Amino acid sequence: MEENKIISMVDEDGEKVDFELIEIIELDENRYALLAPIGEEDDAFVYKIEIVDGKEQYISVEDEEEFAKVLEKYESTFEQ
């Protein structure tokens, strides 16, 4: 049985929030993480993964077009 990967982040209020990693998506030579807050299955967020000083950083995707492309790529995996 595969364990779900949990990623902890700090929100704008300084509070720790845990997310479940749903999927890593590769698109246009970039990597994105689709994350869902623990206990909130209806919400999901897209973060661009960037490597800074050898560590992964998750950058919120604010651009609607980029966000839509990532979700489209994710949804296409179910069509195959």
PDB file of N, CA and C in Angstrom:
ATOM      1  N   MET A   1       0.845  -1.185   0.000  1.00  0.00           N
ATOM      2  CA  MET A   1       0.000   0.000   0.000  1.00  0.00           C
ATOM      3  C   MET A   1       0.893   1.253   0.000  1.00  0.00           C
ATOM      4  N   GLU A   2       0.622   2.162  -0.880  1.00  0.00           N
ATOM      5  CA  GLU A   2       1.419   3.376  -1.005  1.00  0.00           C
ATOM      6  C   GLU A   2       0.946   4.431  -0.002  1.00  0.00           C
ATOM      7  N   GLU A   3       1.921   5.019   0.706  1.00  0.00           N
ATOM      8  CA  GLU A   3       1.585   6.087   1.649  1.00  0.00           C
ATOM      9  C   GLU A   3       1.475   7.407   0.922  1.00  0.00           C
ATOM     10  N   ASN A   4       0.544   8.233   1.357  1.00  0.00           N
ATOM     11  CA  ASN A   4       0.401   9.560   0.780  1.00  0.00           C
ATOM     12  C   ASN A   4       1.480  10.466   1.330  1.00  0.00           C
ATOM     13  N   LYS A   5       2.037  11.291   0.447  1.00  0.00           N
ATOM     14  CA  LYS A   5       3.069  12.229   0.877  1.00  0.00           C
ATOM     15  C   LYS A   5       2.396  13.470   1.437  1.00  0.00           C
ATOM     16  N   ILE A   6       2.814  13.886   2.621  1.00  0.00           N
ATOM     17  CA  ILE A   6       2.276  15.073   3.280  1.00  0.00           C
ATOM     18  C   ILE A   6       3.324  16.182   3.197  1.00  0.00           C
ATOM     19  N   ILE A   7       2.887  17.352   2.767  1.00  0.00           N
ATOM     20  CA  ILE A   7       3.754  18.518   2.665  1.00  0.00           C
ATOM     21  C   ILE A   7       3.194  19.589   3.592  1.00  0.00           C
ATOM     22  N   SER A   8       4.041  20.126   4.457  1.00  0.00           N
ATOM     23  CA  SER A   8       3.623  21.182   5.375  1.00  0.00           C
ATOM     24  C   SER A   8       4.113  22.526   4.862  1.00  0.00           C
ATOM     25  N   MET A   9       3.233  23.522   4.926  1.00  0.00           N
ATOM     26  CA  MET A   9       3.571  24.886   4.524  1.00  0.00           C
ATOM     27  C   MET A   9       3.064  25.846   5.581  1.00  0.00           C
ATOM     28  N   VAL A  10       3.547  27.061   5.501  1.00  0.00           N
ATOM     29  CA  VAL A  10       3.091  28.111   6.406  1.00  0.00           C
ATOM     30  C   VAL A  10       2.266  29.089   5.586  1.00  0.00           C
ATOM     31  N   ASP A  11       1.038  29.379   6.054  1.00  0.00           N
ATOM     32  CA  ASP A  11       0.164  30.293   5.314  1.00  0.00           C
ATOM     33  C   ASP A  11       0.503  31.749   5.621  1.00  0.00           C
ATOM     34  N   GLU A  12      -0.260  32.659   5.020  1.00  0.00           N
ATOM     35  CA  GLU A  12       0.021  34.093   5.181  1.00  0.00           C
ATOM     36  C   GLU A  12      -0.152  34.586   6.620  1.00  0.00           C
ATOM     37  N   ASP A  13      -0.851  33.800   7.451  1.00  0.00           N
ATOM     38  CA  ASP A  13      -1.033  34.159   8.859  1.00  0.00           C
ATOM     39  C   ASP A  13       0.014  33.517   9.762  1.00  0.00           C
ATOM     40  N   GLY A  14       0.965  32.799   9.155  1.00  0.00           N
ATOM     41  CA  GLY A  14       2.002  32.140   9.924  1.00  0.00           C
ATOM     42  C   GLY A  14       1.585  30.802  10.506  1.00  0.00           C
ATOM     43  N   GLU A  15       0.433  30.299  10.071  1.00  0.00           N
ATOM     44  CA  GLU A  15      -0.079  29.017  10.570  1.00  0.00           C
ATOM     45  C   GLU A  15       0.404  27.875   9.679  1.00  0.00           C
ATOM     46  N   LYS A  16       0.752  26.751  10.299  1.00  0.00           N
ATOM     47  CA  LYS A  16       1.167  25.560   9.557  1.00  0.00           C
ATOM     48  C   LYS A  16      -0.076  24.885   8.957  1.00  0.00           C
ATOM     49  N   VAL A  17       0.022  24.556   7.660  1.00  0.00           N
ATOM     50  CA  VAL A  17      -1.064  23.868   6.963  1.00  0.00           C
ATOM     51  C   VAL A  17      -0.475  22.633   6.299  1.00  0.00           C
ATOM     52  N   ASP A  18      -1.108  21.470   6.508  1.00  0.00           N
ATOM     53  CA  ASP A  18      -0.654  20.227   5.890  1.00  0.00           C
ATOM     54  C   ASP A  18      -1.457  19.951   4.628  1.00  0.00           C
ATOM     55  N   PHE A  19      -0.737  19.545   3.578  1.00  0.00           N
ATOM     56  CA  PHE A  19      -1.341  19.217   2.298  1.00  0.00           C
ATOM     57  C   PHE A  19      -0.971  17.790   1.922  1.00  0.00           C
ATOM     58  N   GLU A  20      -1.883  17.140   1.219  1.00  0.00           N
ATOM     59  CA  GLU A  20      -1.595  15.833   0.645  1.00  0.00           C
ATOM     60  C   GLU A  20      -1.184  16.036  -0.803  1.00  0.00           C
ATOM     61  N   LEU A  21      -0.073  15.428  -1.205  1.00  0.00           N
ATOM     62  CA  LEU A  21       0.373  15.493  -2.591  1.00  0.00           C
ATOM     63  C   LEU A  21      -0.504  14.574  -3.418  1.00  0.00           C
ATOM     64  N   ILE A  22      -1.249  15.160  -4.359  1.00  0.00           N
ATOM     65  CA  ILE A  22      -2.136  14.388  -5.216  1.00  0.00           C
ATOM     66  C   ILE A  22      -1.379  13.876  -6.440  1.00  0.00           C
ATOM     67  N   GLU A  23      -0.605  14.768  -7.046  1.00  0.00           N
ATOM     68  CA  GLU A  23       0.076  14.403  -8.295  1.00  0.00           C
ATOM     69  C   GLU A  23       1.197  15.386  -8.586  1.00  0.00           C
ATOM     70  N   ILE A  24       2.248  14.889  -9.232  1.00  0.00           N
ATOM     71  CA  ILE A  24       3.289  15.735  -9.811  1.00  0.00           C
ATOM     72  C   ILE A  24       3.025  15.752 -11.310  1.00  0.00           C
ATOM     73  N   ILE A  25       2.977  16.938 -11.889  1.00  0.00           N
ATOM     74  CA  ILE A  25       2.661  17.102 -13.301  1.00  0.00           C
ATOM     75  C   ILE A  25       3.834  17.799 -13.982  1.00  0.00           C
ATOM     76  N   GLU A  26       4.294  17.215 -15.083  1.00  0.00           N
ATOM     77  CA  GLU A  26       5.363  17.837 -15.860  1.00  0.00           C
ATOM     78  C   GLU A  26       4.743  18.455 -17.101  1.00  0.00           C
ATOM     79  N   LEU A  27       5.053  19.747 -17.297  1.00  0.00           N
ATOM     80  CA  LEU A  27       4.450  20.496 -18.397  1.00  0.00           C
ATOM     81  C   LEU A  27       5.391  21.616 -18.814  1.00  0.00           C
ATOM     82  N   ASP A  28       5.671  21.711 -20.116  1.00  0.00           N
ATOM     83  CA  ASP A  28       6.506  22.790 -20.646  1.00  0.00           C
ATOM     84  C   ASP A  28       7.822  22.931 -19.885  1.00  0.00           C
ATOM     85  N   GLU A  29       8.492  21.801 -19.645  1.00  0.00           N
ATOM     86  CA  GLU A  29       9.779  21.762 -18.959  1.00  0.00           C
ATOM     87  C   GLU A  29       9.721  22.256 -17.510  1.00  0.00           C
ATOM     88  N   ASN A  30       8.539  22.317 -16.933  1.00  0.00           N
ATOM     89  CA  ASN A  30       8.350  22.688 -15.531  1.00  0.00           C
ATOM     90  C   ASN A  30       7.679  21.529 -14.809  1.00  0.00           C
ATOM     91  N   ARG A  31       7.845  21.523 -13.488  1.00  0.00           N
ATOM     92  CA  ARG A  31       7.156  20.540 -12.652  1.00  0.00           C
ATOM     93  C   ARG A  31       6.184  21.282 -11.750  1.00  0.00           C
ATOM     94  N   TYR A  32       5.017  20.682 -11.578  1.00  0.00           N
ATOM     95  CA  TYR A  32       3.967  21.266 -10.744  1.00  0.00           C
ATOM     96  C   TYR A  32       3.471  20.210  -9.765  1.00  0.00           C
ATOM     97  N   ALA A  33       3.047  20.667  -8.600  1.00  0.00           N
ATOM     98  CA  ALA A  33       2.463  19.788  -7.598  1.00  0.00           C
ATOM     99  C   ALA A  33       0.995  20.161  -7.433  1.00  0.00           C
ATOM    100  N   LEU A  34       0.148  19.160  -7.491  1.00  0.00           N
ATOM    101  CA  LEU A  34      -1.274  19.348  -7.201  1.00  0.00           C
ATOM    102  C   LEU A  34      -1.458  18.902  -5.757  1.00  0.00           C
ATOM    103  N   LEU A  35      -1.822  19.853  -4.880  1.00  0.00           N
ATOM    104  CA  LEU A  35      -1.929  19.599  -3.450  1.00  0.00           C
ATOM    105  C   LEU A  35      -3.335  19.863  -2.939  1.00  0.00           C
ATOM    106  N   ALA A  36      -3.777  19.035  -1.998  1.00  0.00           N
ATOM    107  CA  ALA A  36      -5.081  19.221  -1.365  1.00  0.00           C
ATOM    108  C   ALA A  36      -4.881  19.346   0.139  1.00  0.00           C
ATOM    109  N   PRO A  37      -5.506  20.349   0.767  1.00  0.00           N
ATOM    110  CA  PRO A  37      -5.409  20.466   2.231  1.00  0.00           C
ATOM    111  C   PRO A  37      -5.977  19.207   2.897  1.00  0.00           C
ATOM    112  N   ILE A  38      -5.302  18.725   3.921  1.00  0.00           N
ATOM    113  CA  ILE A  38      -5.767  17.545   4.642  1.00  0.00           C
ATOM    114  C   ILE A  38      -7.166  17.825   5.196  1.00  0.00           C
ATOM    115  N   GLY A  39      -8.083  16.908   4.937  1.00  0.00           N
ATOM    116  CA  GLY A  39      -9.447  17.041   5.441  1.00  0.00           C
ATOM    117  C   GLY A  39     -10.359  17.879   4.559  1.00  0.00           C
ATOM    118  N   GLU A  40      -9.847  18.395   3.454  1.00  0.00           N
ATOM    119  CA  GLU A  40     -10.673  19.201   2.548  1.00  0.00           C
ATOM    120  C   GLU A  40     -10.522  18.655   1.130  1.00  0.00           C
ATOM    121  N   GLU A  41     -11.175  17.530   0.871  1.00  0.00           N
ATOM    122  CA  GLU A  41     -11.027  16.827  -0.397  1.00  0.00           C
ATOM    123  C   GLU A  41     -11.529  17.623  -1.597  1.00  0.00           C
ATOM    124  N   ASP A  42     -12.391  18.609  -1.369  1.00  0.00           N
ATOM    125  CA  ASP A  42     -12.969  19.365  -2.479  1.00  0.00           C
ATOM    126  C   ASP A  42     -12.056  20.474  -2.987  1.00  0.00           C
ATOM    127  N   ASP A  43     -11.018  20.818  -2.230  1.00  0.00           N
ATOM    128  CA  ASP A  43     -10.107  21.887  -2.624  1.00  0.00           C
ATOM    129  C   ASP A  43      -8.800  21.292  -3.122  1.00  0.00           C
ATOM    130  N   ALA A  44      -8.210  21.945  -4.114  1.00  0.00           N
ATOM    131  CA  ALA A  44      -6.880  21.555  -4.587  1.00  0.00           C
ATOM    132  C   ALA A  44      -6.180  22.812  -5.076  1.00  0.00           C
ATOM    133  N   PHE A  45      -4.877  22.818  -4.916  1.00  0.00           N
ATOM    134  CA  PHE A  45      -4.075  23.964  -5.311  1.00  0.00           C
ATOM    135  C   PHE A  45      -2.936  23.492  -6.200  1.00  0.00           C
ATOM    136  N   VAL A  46      -2.508  24.364  -7.101  1.00  0.00           N
ATOM    137  CA  VAL A  46      -1.405  24.055  -8.000  1.00  0.00           C
ATOM    138  C   VAL A  46      -0.215  24.919  -7.593  1.00  0.00           C
ATOM    139  N   TYR A  47       0.932  24.251  -7.410  1.00  0.00           N
ATOM    140  CA  TYR A  47       2.178  24.939  -7.074  1.00  0.00           C
ATOM    141  C   TYR A  47       3.251  24.537  -8.077  1.00  0.00           C
ATOM    142  N   LYS A  48       4.006  25.514  -8.522  1.00  0.00           N
ATOM    143  CA  LYS A  48       5.154  25.244  -9.384  1.00  0.00           C
ATOM    144  C   LYS A  48       6.309  24.838  -8.471  1.00  0.00           C
ATOM    145  N   ILE A  49       7.011  23.770  -8.853  1.00  0.00           N
ATOM    146  CA  ILE A  49       8.138  23.297  -8.058  1.00  0.00           C
ATOM    147  C   ILE A  49       9.417  23.889  -8.643  1.00  0.00           C
ATOM    148  N   GLU A  50      10.124  24.615  -7.817  1.00  0.00           N
ATOM    149  CA  GLU A  50      11.408  25.183  -8.217  1.00  0.00           C
ATOM    150  C   GLU A  50      12.472  24.707  -7.236  1.00  0.00           C
ATOM    151  N   ILE A  51      13.665  24.471  -7.759  1.00  0.00           N
ATOM    152  CA  ILE A  51      14.775  24.047  -6.915  1.00  0.00           C
ATOM    153  C   ILE A  51      15.612  25.278  -6.581  1.00  0.00           C
ATOM    154  N   VAL A  52      15.730  25.582  -5.300  1.00  0.00           N
ATOM    155  CA  VAL A  52      16.515  26.723  -4.826  1.00  0.00           C
ATOM    156  C   VAL A  52      17.492  26.201  -3.771  1.00  0.00           C
ATOM    157  N   ASP A  53      18.770  26.398  -4.027  1.00  0.00           N
ATOM    158  CA  ASP A  53      19.821  25.913  -3.123  1.00  0.00           C
ATOM    159  C   ASP A  53      19.669  24.420  -2.828  1.00  0.00           C
ATOM    160  N   GLY A  54      19.290  23.660  -3.856  1.00  0.00           N
ATOM    161  CA  GLY A  54      19.175  22.213  -3.717  1.00  0.00           C
ATOM    162  C   GLY A  54      17.913  21.725  -3.034  1.00  0.00           C
ATOM    163  N   LYS A  55      17.002  22.624  -2.694  1.00  0.00           N
ATOM    164  CA  LYS A  55      15.760  22.228  -2.024  1.00  0.00           C
ATOM    165  C   LYS A  55      14.558  22.611  -2.879  1.00  0.00           C
ATOM    166  N   GLU A  56      13.528  21.767  -2.810  1.00  0.00           N
ATOM    167  CA  GLU A  56      12.292  22.072  -3.538  1.00  0.00           C
ATOM    168  C   GLU A  56      11.554  23.209  -2.845  1.00  0.00           C
ATOM    169  N   GLN A  57      11.102  24.166  -3.646  1.00  0.00           N
ATOM    170  CA  GLN A  57      10.221  25.216  -3.147  1.00  0.00           C
ATOM    171  C   GLN A  57       8.947  25.174  -3.970  1.00  0.00           C
ATOM    172  N   TYR A  58       7.830  25.382  -3.307  1.00  0.00           N
ATOM    173  CA  TYR A  58       6.522  25.349  -3.952  1.00  0.00           C
ATOM    174  C   TYR A  58       6.022  26.779  -4.096  1.00  0.00           C
ATOM    175  N   ILE A  59       5.849  27.208  -5.336  1.00  0.00           N
ATOM    176  CA  ILE A  59       5.425  28.567  -5.647  1.00  0.00           C
ATOM    177  C   ILE A  59       3.987  28.512  -6.149  1.00  0.00           C
ATOM    178  N   SER A  60       3.100  29.223  -5.497  1.00  0.00           N
ATOM    179  CA  SER A  60       1.686  29.240  -5.881  1.00  0.00           C
ATOM    180  C   SER A  60       1.527  29.748  -7.312  1.00  0.00           C
ATOM    181  N   VAL A  61       0.725  29.037  -8.100  1.00  0.00           N
ATOM    182  CA  VAL A  61       0.461  29.445  -9.481  1.00  0.00           C
ATOM    183  C   VAL A  61      -0.724  30.409  -9.459  1.00  0.00           C
ATOM    184  N   GLU A  62      -0.466  31.653  -9.752  1.00  0.00           N
ATOM    185  CA  GLU A  62      -1.492  32.697  -9.732  1.00  0.00           C
ATOM    186  C   GLU A  62      -2.064  32.970 -11.123  1.00  0.00           C
ATOM    187  N   ASP A  63      -1.270  32.688 -12.170  1.00  0.00           N
ATOM    188  CA  ASP A  63      -1.686  32.944 -13.543  1.00  0.00           C
ATOM    189  C   ASP A  63      -2.782  31.953 -13.948  1.00  0.00           C
ATOM    190  N   GLU A  64      -3.953  32.462 -14.313  1.00  0.00           N
ATOM    191  CA  GLU A  64      -5.099  31.608 -14.627  1.00  0.00           C
ATOM    192  C   GLU A  64      -4.839  30.694 -15.817  1.00  0.00           C
ATOM    193  N   GLU A  65      -4.133  31.189 -16.827  1.00  0.00           N
ATOM    194  CA  GLU A  65      -3.849  30.384 -18.012  1.00  0.00           C
ATOM    195  C   GLU A  65      -2.914  29.223 -17.672  1.00  0.00           C
ATOM    196  N   GLU A  66      -1.884  29.512 -16.908  1.00  0.00           N
ATOM    197  CA  GLU A  66      -0.941  28.471 -16.491  1.00  0.00           C
ATOM    198  C   GLU A  66      -1.658  27.445 -15.618  1.00  0.00           C
ATOM    199  N   PHE A  67      -2.485  27.914 -14.692  1.00  0.00           N
ATOM    200  CA  PHE A  67      -3.263  27.043 -13.813  1.00  0.00           C
ATOM    201  C   PHE A  67      -4.156  26.110 -14.635  1.00  0.00           C
ATOM    202  N   ALA A  68      -4.849  26.672 -15.634  1.00  0.00           N
ATOM    203  CA  ALA A  68      -5.756  25.893 -16.485  1.00  0.00           C
ATOM    204  C   ALA A  68      -4.993  24.827 -17.272  1.00  0.00           C
ATOM    205  N   LYS A  69      -3.816  25.162 -17.770  1.00  0.00           N
ATOM    206  CA  LYS A  69      -3.010  24.197 -18.527  1.00  0.00           C
ATOM    207  C   LYS A  69      -2.602  23.014 -17.648  1.00  0.00           C
ATOM    208  N   VAL A  70      -2.212  23.301 -16.421  1.00  0.00           N
ATOM    209  CA  VAL A  70      -1.809  22.238 -15.506  1.00  0.00           C
ATOM    210  C   VAL A  70      -2.996  21.329 -15.198  1.00  0.00           C
ATOM    211  N   LEU A  71      -4.153  21.912 -14.915  1.00  0.00           N
ATOM    212  CA  LEU A  71      -5.337  21.096 -14.627  1.00  0.00           C
ATOM    213  C   LEU A  71      -5.758  20.279 -15.842  1.00  0.00           C
ATOM    214  N   GLU A  72      -5.652  20.860 -17.028  1.00  0.00           N
ATOM    215  CA  GLU A  72      -5.988  20.140 -18.254  1.00  0.00           C
ATOM    216  C   GLU A  72      -5.073  18.932 -18.430  1.00  0.00           C
ATOM    217  N   LYS A  73      -3.786  19.119 -18.179  1.00  0.00           N
ATOM    218  CA  LYS A  73      -2.819  18.018 -18.276  1.00  0.00           C
ATOM    219  C   LYS A  73      -3.154  16.935 -17.249  1.00  0.00           C
ATOM    220  N   TYR A  74      -3.499  17.342 -16.028  1.00  0.00           N
ATOM    221  CA  TYR A  74      -3.859  16.380 -14.987  1.00  0.00           C
ATOM    222  C   TYR A  74      -5.105  15.589 -15.388  1.00  0.00           C
ATOM    223  N   GLU A  75      -6.116  16.273 -15.856  1.00  0.00           N
ATOM    224  CA  GLU A  75      -7.364  15.609 -16.238  1.00  0.00           C
ATOM    225  C   GLU A  75      -7.177  14.684 -17.436  1.00  0.00           C
ATOM    226  N   SER A  76      -6.225  15.013 -18.312  1.00  0.00           N
ATOM    227  CA  SER A  76      -5.993  14.166 -19.493  1.00  0.00           C
ATOM    228  C   SER A  76      -5.448  12.796 -19.100  1.00  0.00           C
ATOM    229  N   THR A  77      -4.855  12.668 -17.915  1.00  0.00           N
ATOM    230  CA  THR A  77      -4.343  11.366 -17.496  1.00  0.00           C
ATOM    231  C   THR A  77      -5.468  10.373 -17.239  1.00  0.00           C
ATOM    232  N   PHE A  78      -6.667  10.870 -16.996  1.00  0.00           N
ATOM    233  CA  PHE A  78      -7.808   9.981 -16.761  1.00  0.00           C
ATOM    234  C   PHE A  78      -8.468   9.521 -18.050  1.00  0.00           C
ATOM    235  N   GLU A  79      -8.164  10.192 -19.154  1.00  0.00           N
ATOM    236  CA  GLU A  79      -8.772   9.881 -20.428  1.00  0.00           C
ATOM    237  C   GLU A  79      -8.065   8.750 -21.160  1.00  0.00           C
ATOM    238  N   GLN A  80      -6.890   8.376 -20.710  1.00  0.00           N
ATOM    239  CA  GLN A  80      -6.091   7.369 -21.419  1.00  0.00           C
ATOM    240  C   GLN A  80      -6.495   5.975 -21.051  1.00  0.00           C
TER     241      GLN A  80
END
